[in-house]
Amino acid sequence: MALINDRSAAFIVRVWCEHGDQPSRGVRDWRGSIEHVESGERVFFRELNAVPSFMDRHLRDLGIEAPNRFWEQVFDDEPPEQRTKE
């Protein structure tokens, strides 16, 4: 029996640093993965914008539409007081 019987989804996001072939040069690459807990689907990424893209697909399947997705406000470069109302 599910503890939460509503339109919700759980994701696990992991981020780590890799030093590559030449750690002495100090070159670091950030890597990550995001997993949809219910399905077990996981993707790996190098760019942070892969996180909301992955979440978007799963949340759309639940019927959660754009105005209800918090990350569009979190990742928006424009301050809230300067946003235009639609």
PDB file of N, CA and C in Angstrom:
ATOM      1  N   MET A   1       0.840  -1.185   0.000  1.00  0.00           N
ATOM      2  CA  MET A   1       0.000   0.000   0.000  1.00  0.00           C
ATOM      3  C   MET A   1       0.883   1.245   0.000  1.00  0.00           C
ATOM      4  N   ALA A   2       0.595   2.167  -0.866  1.00  0.00           N
ATOM      5  CA  ALA A   2       1.378   3.399  -0.968  1.00  0.00           C
ATOM      6  C   ALA A   2       1.075   4.310   0.213  1.00  0.00           C
ATOM      7  N   LEU A   3       2.105   4.936   0.725  1.00  0.00           N
ATOM      8  CA  LEU A   3       1.916   5.889   1.817  1.00  0.00           C
ATOM      9  C   LEU A   3       1.252   7.158   1.330  1.00  0.00           C
ATOM     10  N   ILE A   4       1.585   7.543   0.108  1.00  0.00           N
ATOM     11  CA  ILE A   4       1.005   8.758  -0.466  1.00  0.00           C
ATOM     12  C   ILE A   4       0.252   8.350  -1.721  1.00  0.00           C
ATOM     13  N   ASN A   5      -1.036   8.571  -1.715  1.00  0.00           N
ATOM     14  CA  ASN A   5      -1.842   8.202  -2.868  1.00  0.00           C
ATOM     15  C   ASN A   5      -2.318   9.485  -3.560  1.00  0.00           C
ATOM     16  N   ASP A   6      -1.387  10.187  -4.153  1.00  0.00           N
ATOM     17  CA  ASP A   6      -1.721  11.418  -4.856  1.00  0.00           C
ATOM     18  C   ASP A   6      -0.772  11.595  -6.033  1.00  0.00           C
ATOM     19  N   ARG A   7      -0.767  12.775  -6.586  1.00  0.00           N
ATOM     20  CA  ARG A   7       0.113  13.054  -7.720  1.00  0.00           C
ATOM     21  C   ARG A   7       1.462  13.508  -7.201  1.00  0.00           C
ATOM     22  N   SER A   8       2.313  12.575  -6.909  1.00  0.00           N
ATOM     23  CA  SER A   8       3.646  12.908  -6.429  1.00  0.00           C
ATOM     24  C   SER A   8       4.659  11.964  -7.060  1.00  0.00           C
ATOM     25  N   ALA A   9       5.898  12.389  -7.073  1.00  0.00           N
ATOM     26  CA  ALA A   9       6.985  11.584  -7.603  1.00  0.00           C
ATOM     27  C   ALA A   9       8.219  11.841  -6.753  1.00  0.00           C
ATOM     28  N   ALA A  10       9.036  10.822  -6.619  1.00  0.00           N
ATOM     29  CA  ALA A  10      10.283  10.947  -5.864  1.00  0.00           C
ATOM     30  C   ALA A  10      11.458  10.730  -6.811  1.00  0.00           C
ATOM     31  N   PHE A  11      12.471  11.549  -6.623  1.00  0.00           N
ATOM     32  CA  PHE A  11      13.676  11.477  -7.443  1.00  0.00           C
ATOM     33  C   PHE A  11      14.896  11.475  -6.526  1.00  0.00           C
ATOM     34  N   ILE A  12      15.928  10.769  -6.922  1.00  0.00           N
ATOM     35  CA  ILE A  12      17.214  10.798  -6.222  1.00  0.00           C
ATOM     36  C   ILE A  12      18.210  11.449  -7.171  1.00  0.00           C
ATOM     37  N   VAL A  13      18.832  12.524  -6.717  1.00  0.00           N
ATOM     38  CA  VAL A  13      19.835  13.228  -7.521  1.00  0.00           C
ATOM     39  C   VAL A  13      21.178  13.070  -6.823  1.00  0.00           C
ATOM     40  N   ARG A  14      22.166  12.623  -7.581  1.00  0.00           N
ATOM     41  CA  ARG A  14      23.533  12.476  -7.059  1.00  0.00           C
ATOM     42  C   ARG A  14      24.458  13.336  -7.919  1.00  0.00           C
ATOM     43  N   VAL A  15      25.404  13.998  -7.272  1.00  0.00           N
ATOM     44  CA  VAL A  15      26.385  14.830  -7.986  1.00  0.00           C
ATOM     45  C   VAL A  15      27.759  14.505  -7.410  1.00  0.00           C
ATOM     46  N   TRP A  16      28.755  14.374  -8.290  1.00  0.00           N
ATOM     47  CA  TRP A  16      30.103  14.082  -7.842  1.00  0.00           C
ATOM     48  C   TRP A  16      31.117  14.733  -8.775  1.00  0.00           C
ATOM     49  N   CYS A  17      32.359  14.799  -8.303  1.00  0.00           N
ATOM     50  CA  CYS A  17      33.446  15.411  -9.070  1.00  0.00           C
ATOM     51  C   CYS A  17      34.414  14.326  -9.534  1.00  0.00           C
ATOM     52  N   GLU A  18      34.789  14.385 -10.805  1.00  0.00           N
ATOM     53  CA  GLU A  18      35.795  13.480 -11.348  1.00  0.00           C
ATOM     54  C   GLU A  18      37.003  14.302 -11.766  1.00  0.00           C
ATOM     55  N   HIS A  19      38.179  13.772 -11.472  1.00  0.00           N
ATOM     56  CA  HIS A  19      39.405  14.507 -11.768  1.00  0.00           C
ATOM     57  C   HIS A  19      39.969  14.208 -13.144  1.00  0.00           C
ATOM     58  N   GLY A  20      39.436  13.232 -13.846  1.00  0.00           N
ATOM     59  CA  GLY A  20      39.902  12.928 -15.192  1.00  0.00           C
ATOM     60  C   GLY A  20      41.255  12.241 -15.215  1.00  0.00           C
ATOM     61  N   ASP A  21      41.916  12.326 -16.359  1.00  0.00           N
ATOM     62  CA  ASP A  21      43.183  11.627 -16.563  1.00  0.00           C
ATOM     63  C   ASP A  21      44.351  12.278 -15.842  1.00  0.00           C
ATOM     64  N   GLN A  22      44.272  13.578 -15.595  1.00  0.00           N
ATOM     65  CA  GLN A  22      45.411  14.300 -15.027  1.00  0.00           C
ATOM     66  C   GLN A  22      44.992  15.075 -13.778  1.00  0.00           C
ATOM     67  N   PRO A  23      44.858  14.386 -12.646  1.00  0.00           N
ATOM     68  CA  PRO A  23      44.408  15.072 -11.432  1.00  0.00           C
ATOM     69  C   PRO A  23      45.369  16.174 -10.976  1.00  0.00           C
ATOM     70  N   SER A  24      46.644  16.076 -11.361  1.00  0.00           N
ATOM     71  CA  SER A  24      47.613  17.090 -10.948  1.00  0.00           C
ATOM     72  C   SER A  24      47.335  18.444 -11.598  1.00  0.00           C
ATOM     73  N   ARG A  25      46.658  18.450 -12.756  1.00  0.00           N
ATOM     74  CA  ARG A  25      46.335  19.708 -13.443  1.00  0.00           C
ATOM     75  C   ARG A  25      45.170  20.422 -12.785  1.00  0.00           C
ATOM     76  N   GLY A  26      44.485  19.737 -11.917  1.00  0.00           N
ATOM     77  CA  GLY A  26      43.358  20.351 -11.237  1.00  0.00           C
ATOM     78  C   GLY A  26      42.106  20.444 -12.090  1.00  0.00           C
ATOM     79  N   VAL A  27      42.079  19.758 -13.217  1.00  0.00           N
ATOM     80  CA  VAL A  27      40.907  19.784 -14.081  1.00  0.00           C
ATOM     81  C   VAL A  27      39.850  18.860 -13.489  1.00  0.00           C
ATOM     82  N   ARG A  28      38.685  19.432 -13.244  1.00  0.00           N
ATOM     83  CA  ARG A  28      37.611  18.647 -12.646  1.00  0.00           C
ATOM     84  C   ARG A  28      36.385  18.682 -13.538  1.00  0.00           C
ATOM     85  N   ASP A  29      35.727  17.582 -13.591  1.00  0.00           N
ATOM     86  CA  ASP A  29      34.459  17.484 -14.307  1.00  0.00           C
ATOM     87  C   ASP A  29      33.389  17.078 -13.315  1.00  0.00           C
ATOM     88  N   TRP A  30      32.307  17.820 -13.309  1.00  0.00           N
ATOM     89  CA  TRP A  30      31.178  17.468 -12.458  1.00  0.00           C
ATOM     90  C   TRP A  30      30.256  16.555 -13.233  1.00  0.00           C
ATOM     91  N   ARG A  31      29.832  15.518 -12.577  1.00  0.00           N
ATOM     92  CA  ARG A  31      28.929  14.520 -13.158  1.00  0.00           C
ATOM     93  C   ARG A  31      27.756  14.333 -12.195  1.00  0.00           C
ATOM     94  N   GLY A  32      26.707  13.732 -12.710  1.00  0.00           N
ATOM     95  CA  GLY A  32      25.574  13.464 -11.842  1.00  0.00           C
ATOM     96  C   GLY A  32      24.672  12.411 -12.432  1.00  0.00           C
ATOM     97  N   SER A  33      23.723  12.004 -11.609  1.00  0.00           N
ATOM     98  CA  SER A  33      22.680  11.101 -12.069  1.00  0.00           C
ATOM     99  C   SER A  33      21.387  11.491 -11.373  1.00  0.00           C
ATOM    100  N   ILE A  34      20.283  11.194 -12.028  1.00  0.00           N
ATOM    101  CA  ILE A  34      18.973  11.383 -11.436  1.00  0.00           C
ATOM    102  C   ILE A  34      18.184  10.109 -11.692  1.00  0.00           C
ATOM    103  N   GLU A  35      17.489   9.670 -10.654  1.00  0.00           N
ATOM    104  CA  GLU A  35      16.714   8.438 -10.732  1.00  0.00           C
ATOM    105  C   GLU A  35      15.273   8.698 -10.319  1.00  0.00           C
ATOM    106  N   HIS A  36      14.358   8.199 -11.111  1.00  0.00           N
ATOM    107  CA  HIS A  36      12.941   8.232 -10.757  1.00  0.00           C
ATOM    108  C   HIS A  36      12.709   6.996  -9.895  1.00  0.00           C
ATOM    109  N   VAL A  37      12.360   7.211  -8.619  1.00  0.00           N
ATOM    110  CA  VAL A  37      12.312   6.125  -7.655  1.00  0.00           C
ATOM    111  C   VAL A  37      11.306   5.040  -8.048  1.00  0.00           C
ATOM    112  N   GLU A  38      10.123   5.411  -8.440  1.00  0.00           N
ATOM    113  CA  GLU A  38       9.074   4.428  -8.725  1.00  0.00           C
ATOM    114  C   GLU A  38       9.436   3.495  -9.880  1.00  0.00           C
ATOM    115  N   SER A  39       9.968   4.064 -10.965  1.00  0.00           N
ATOM    116  CA  SER A  39      10.270   3.239 -12.143  1.00  0.00           C
ATOM    117  C   SER A  39      11.687   2.681 -12.123  1.00  0.00           C
ATOM    118  N   GLY A  40      12.574   3.294 -11.347  1.00  0.00           N
ATOM    119  CA  GLY A  40      13.971   2.874 -11.344  1.00  0.00           C
ATOM    120  C   GLY A  40      14.765   3.425 -12.514  1.00  0.00           C
ATOM    121  N   GLU A  41      14.113   4.208 -13.367  1.00  0.00           N
ATOM    122  CA  GLU A  41      14.813   4.795 -14.513  1.00  0.00           C
ATOM    123  C   GLU A  41      15.862   5.791 -14.017  1.00  0.00           C
ATOM    124  N   ARG A  42      17.057   5.697 -14.583  1.00  0.00           N
ATOM    125  CA  ARG A  42      18.148   6.584 -14.174  1.00  0.00           C
ATOM    126  C   ARG A  42      18.873   7.100 -15.402  1.00  0.00           C
ATOM    127  N   VAL A  43      19.249   8.359 -15.378  1.00  0.00           N
ATOM    128  CA  VAL A  43      20.070   8.937 -16.433  1.00  0.00           C
ATOM    129  C   VAL A  43      21.263   9.632 -15.785  1.00  0.00           C
ATOM    130  N   PHE A  44      22.345   9.702 -16.534  1.00  0.00           N
ATOM    131  CA  PHE A  44      23.552  10.385 -16.082  1.00  0.00           C
ATOM    132  C   PHE A  44      23.677  11.690 -16.848  1.00  0.00           C
ATOM    133  N   PHE A  45      24.271  12.699 -16.205  1.00  0.00           N
ATOM    134  CA  PHE A  45      24.359  13.999 -16.853  1.00  0.00           C
ATOM    135  C   PHE A  45      25.668  14.701 -16.511  1.00  0.00           C
ATOM    136  N   ARG A  46      26.000  15.651 -17.369  1.00  0.00           N
ATOM    137  CA  ARG A  46      27.141  16.555 -17.156  1.00  0.00           C
ATOM    138  C   ARG A  46      26.672  17.986 -16.967  1.00  0.00           C
ATOM    139  N   GLU A  47      25.455  18.256 -17.386  1.00  0.00           N
ATOM    140  CA  GLU A  47      24.868  19.588 -17.289  1.00  0.00           C
ATOM    141  C   GLU A  47      23.670  19.535 -16.347  1.00  0.00           C
ATOM    142  N   LEU A  48      23.567  20.507 -15.455  1.00  0.00           N
ATOM    143  CA  LEU A  48      22.509  20.520 -14.461  1.00  0.00           C
ATOM    144  C   LEU A  48      21.119  20.648 -15.070  1.00  0.00           C
ATOM    145  N   ASN A  49      21.024  21.240 -16.257  1.00  0.00           N
ATOM    146  CA  ASN A  49      19.705  21.405 -16.858  1.00  0.00           C
ATOM    147  C   ASN A  49      19.077  20.071 -17.275  1.00  0.00           C
ATOM    148  N   ALA A  50      19.821  18.978 -17.205  1.00  0.00           N
ATOM    149  CA  ALA A  50      19.252  17.657 -17.471  1.00  0.00           C
ATOM    150  C   ALA A  50      18.295  17.230 -16.357  1.00  0.00           C
ATOM    151  N   VAL A  51      18.472  17.784 -15.171  1.00  0.00           N
ATOM    152  CA  VAL A  51      17.626  17.404 -14.031  1.00  0.00           C
ATOM    153  C   VAL A  51      16.169  17.807 -14.256  1.00  0.00           C
ATOM    154  N   PRO A  52      15.864  19.085 -14.516  1.00  0.00           N
ATOM    155  CA  PRO A  52      14.457  19.425 -14.727  1.00  0.00           C
ATOM    156  C   PRO A  52      13.877  18.787 -15.994  1.00  0.00           C
ATOM    157  N   SER A  53      14.697  18.548 -16.994  1.00  0.00           N
ATOM    158  CA  SER A  53      14.209  17.891 -18.211  1.00  0.00           C
ATOM    159  C   SER A  53      13.734  16.474 -17.902  1.00  0.00           C
ATOM    160  N   PHE A  54      14.497  15.759 -17.109  1.00  0.00           N
ATOM    161  CA  PHE A  54      14.132  14.395 -16.719  1.00  0.00           C
ATOM    162  C   PHE A  54      12.876  14.406 -15.853  1.00  0.00           C
ATOM    163  N   MET A  55      12.826  15.308 -14.885  1.00  0.00           N
ATOM    164  CA  MET A  55      11.670  15.399 -13.994  1.00  0.00           C
ATOM    165  C   MET A  55      10.412  15.771 -14.764  1.00  0.00           C
ATOM    166  N   ASP A  56      10.555  16.655 -15.735  1.00  0.00           N
ATOM    167  CA  ASP A  56       9.413  17.133 -16.508  1.00  0.00           C
ATOM    168  C   ASP A  56       8.621  15.992 -17.120  1.00  0.00           C
ATOM    169  N   ARG A  57       9.316  15.075 -17.731  1.00  0.00           N
ATOM    170  CA  ARG A  57       8.655  13.944 -18.396  1.00  0.00           C
ATOM    171  C   ARG A  57       7.826  13.121 -17.417  1.00  0.00           C
ATOM    172  N   HIS A  58       8.394  12.834 -16.254  1.00  0.00           N
ATOM    173  CA  HIS A  58       7.681  12.018 -15.267  1.00  0.00           C
ATOM    174  C   HIS A  58       6.515  12.783 -14.638  1.00  0.00           C
ATOM    175  N   LEU A  59       6.676  14.072 -14.427  1.00  0.00           N
ATOM    176  CA  LEU A  59       5.593  14.849 -13.826  1.00  0.00           C
ATOM    177  C   LEU A  59       4.455  15.067 -14.810  1.00  0.00           C
ATOM    178  N   ARG A  60       4.765  15.197 -16.072  1.00  0.00           N
ATOM    179  CA  ARG A  60       3.700  15.299 -17.091  1.00  0.00           C
ATOM    180  C   ARG A  60       2.858  14.025 -17.102  1.00  0.00           C
ATOM    181  N   ASP A  61       3.515  12.874 -16.907  1.00  0.00           N
ATOM    182  CA  ASP A  61       2.782  11.603 -16.847  1.00  0.00           C
ATOM    183  C   ASP A  61       1.785  11.585 -15.688  1.00  0.00           C
ATOM    184  N   LEU A  62       2.069  12.346 -14.642  1.00  0.00           N
ATOM    185  CA  LEU A  62       1.160  12.445 -13.493  1.00  0.00           C
ATOM    186  C   LEU A  62       0.086  13.500 -13.711  1.00  0.00           C
ATOM    187  N   GLY A  63       0.215  14.276 -14.787  1.00  0.00           N
ATOM    188  CA  GLY A  63      -0.761  15.324 -15.064  1.00  0.00           C
ATOM    189  C   GLY A  63      -0.403  16.657 -14.437  1.00  0.00           C
ATOM    190  N   ILE A  64       0.839  16.801 -13.997  1.00  0.00           N
ATOM    191  CA  ILE A  64       1.289  18.068 -13.409  1.00  0.00           C
ATOM    192  C   ILE A  64       1.772  18.954 -14.549  1.00  0.00           C
ATOM    193  N   GLU A  65       1.067  20.037 -14.783  1.00  0.00           N
ATOM    194  CA  GLU A  65       1.338  20.920 -15.913  1.00  0.00           C
ATOM    195  C   GLU A  65       2.281  22.063 -15.527  1.00  0.00           C
ATOM    196  N   ALA A  66       2.730  22.794 -16.517  1.00  0.00           N
ATOM    197  CA  ALA A  66       3.746  23.836 -16.372  1.00  0.00           C
ATOM    198  C   ALA A  66       3.506  24.824 -15.231  1.00  0.00           C
ATOM    199  N   PRO A  67       2.308  25.390 -15.044  1.00  0.00           N
ATOM    200  CA  PRO A  67       2.148  26.386 -13.978  1.00  0.00           C
ATOM    201  C   PRO A  67       2.397  25.821 -12.578  1.00  0.00           C
ATOM    202  N   ASN A  68       2.363  24.502 -12.427  1.00  0.00           N
ATOM    203  CA  ASN A  68       2.542  23.887 -11.115  1.00  0.00           C
ATOM    204  C   ASN A  68       3.947  23.341 -10.885  1.00  0.00           C
ATOM    205  N   ARG A  69       4.851  23.546 -11.832  1.00  0.00           N
ATOM    206  CA  ARG A  69       6.201  22.998 -11.701  1.00  0.00           C
ATOM    207  C   ARG A  69       7.120  24.045 -11.098  1.00  0.00           C
ATOM    208  N   PHE A  70       7.591  23.786  -9.908  1.00  0.00           N
ATOM    209  CA  PHE A  70       8.385  24.750  -9.159  1.00  0.00           C
ATOM    210  C   PHE A  70       9.711  25.092  -9.808  1.00  0.00           C
ATOM    211  N   TRP A  71      10.345  24.131 -10.509  1.00  0.00           N
ATOM    212  CA  TRP A  71      11.694  24.397 -11.008  1.00  0.00           C
ATOM    213  C   TRP A  71      11.718  25.446 -12.112  1.00  0.00           C
ATOM    214  N   GLU A  72      10.599  25.683 -12.764  1.00  0.00           N
ATOM    215  CA  GLU A  72      10.594  26.740 -13.761  1.00  0.00           C
ATOM    216  C   GLU A  72      10.787  28.095 -13.104  1.00  0.00           C
ATOM    217  N   GLN A  73      10.435  28.209 -11.846  1.00  0.00           N
ATOM    218  CA  GLN A  73      10.691  29.431 -11.095  1.00  0.00           C
ATOM    219  C   GLN A  73      12.085  29.400 -10.489  1.00  0.00           C
ATOM    220  N   VAL A  74      12.547  28.216 -10.063  1.00  0.00           N
ATOM    221  CA  VAL A  74      13.864  28.087  -9.456  1.00  0.00           C
ATOM    222  C   VAL A  74      14.965  28.361 -10.475  1.00  0.00           C
ATOM    223  N   PHE A  75      14.808  27.848 -11.702  1.00  0.00           N
ATOM    224  CA  PHE A  75      15.840  27.981 -12.720  1.00  0.00           C
ATOM    225  C   PHE A  75      15.671  29.229 -13.583  1.00  0.00           C
ATOM    226  N   ASP A  76      14.665  30.023 -13.311  1.00  0.00           N
ATOM    227  CA  ASP A  76      14.419  31.242 -14.070  1.00  0.00           C
ATOM    228  C   ASP A  76      15.434  32.304 -13.640  1.00  0.00           C
ATOM    229  N   ASP A  77      16.071  32.953 -14.602  1.00  0.00           N
ATOM    230  CA  ASP A  77      17.078  33.973 -14.289  1.00  0.00           C
ATOM    231  C   ASP A  77      16.455  35.299 -13.868  1.00  0.00           C
ATOM    232  N   GLU A  78      15.203  35.480 -14.165  1.00  0.00           N
ATOM    233  CA  GLU A  78      14.552  36.754 -13.891  1.00  0.00           C
ATOM    234  C   GLU A  78      14.009  36.755 -12.453  1.00  0.00           C
ATOM    235  N   PRO A  79      14.321  37.794 -11.661  1.00  0.00           N
ATOM    236  CA  PRO A  79      13.794  37.879 -10.294  1.00  0.00           C
ATOM    237  C   PRO A  79      12.286  37.882 -10.275  1.00  0.00           C
ATOM    238  N   PRO A  80      11.645  37.293  -9.249  1.00  0.00           N
ATOM    239  CA  PRO A  80      10.184  37.206  -9.202  1.00  0.00           C
ATOM    240  C   PRO A  80       9.478  38.557  -9.352  1.00  0.00           C
ATOM    241  N   GLU A  81      10.033  39.613  -8.786  1.00  0.00           N
ATOM    242  CA  GLU A  81       9.368  40.913  -8.848  1.00  0.00           C
ATOM    243  C   GLU A  81       9.396  41.518 -10.252  1.00  0.00           C
ATOM    244  N   GLN A  82      10.248  40.985 -11.148  1.00  0.00           N
ATOM    245  CA  GLN A  82      10.321  41.503 -12.508  1.00  0.00           C
ATOM    246  C   GLN A  82       9.572  40.634 -13.516  1.00  0.00           C
ATOM    247  N   ARG A  83       9.009  39.498 -13.070  1.00  0.00           N
ATOM    248  CA  ARG A  83       8.293  38.615 -13.970  1.00  0.00           C
ATOM    249  C   ARG A  83       6.943  39.220 -14.325  1.00  0.00           C
ATOM    250  N   THR A  84       6.540  39.007 -15.564  1.00  0.00           N
ATOM    251  CA  THR A  84       5.238  39.483 -15.988  1.00  0.00           C
ATOM    252  C   THR A  84       4.207  38.412 -15.731  1.00  0.00           C
ATOM    253  N   LYS A  85       3.042  38.805 -15.333  1.00  0.00           N
ATOM    254  CA  LYS A  85       1.937  37.863 -15.098  1.00  0.00           C
ATOM    255  C   LYS A  85       1.315  37.490 -16.445  1.00  0.00           C
ATOM    256  N   GLU A  86       1.029  36.219 -16.619  1.00  0.00           N
ATOM    257  CA  GLU A  86       0.408  35.752 -17.873  1.00  0.00           C
ATOM    258  C   GLU A  86      -1.072  35.588 -17.689  1.00  0.00           C
TER     259      GLU A  86
END
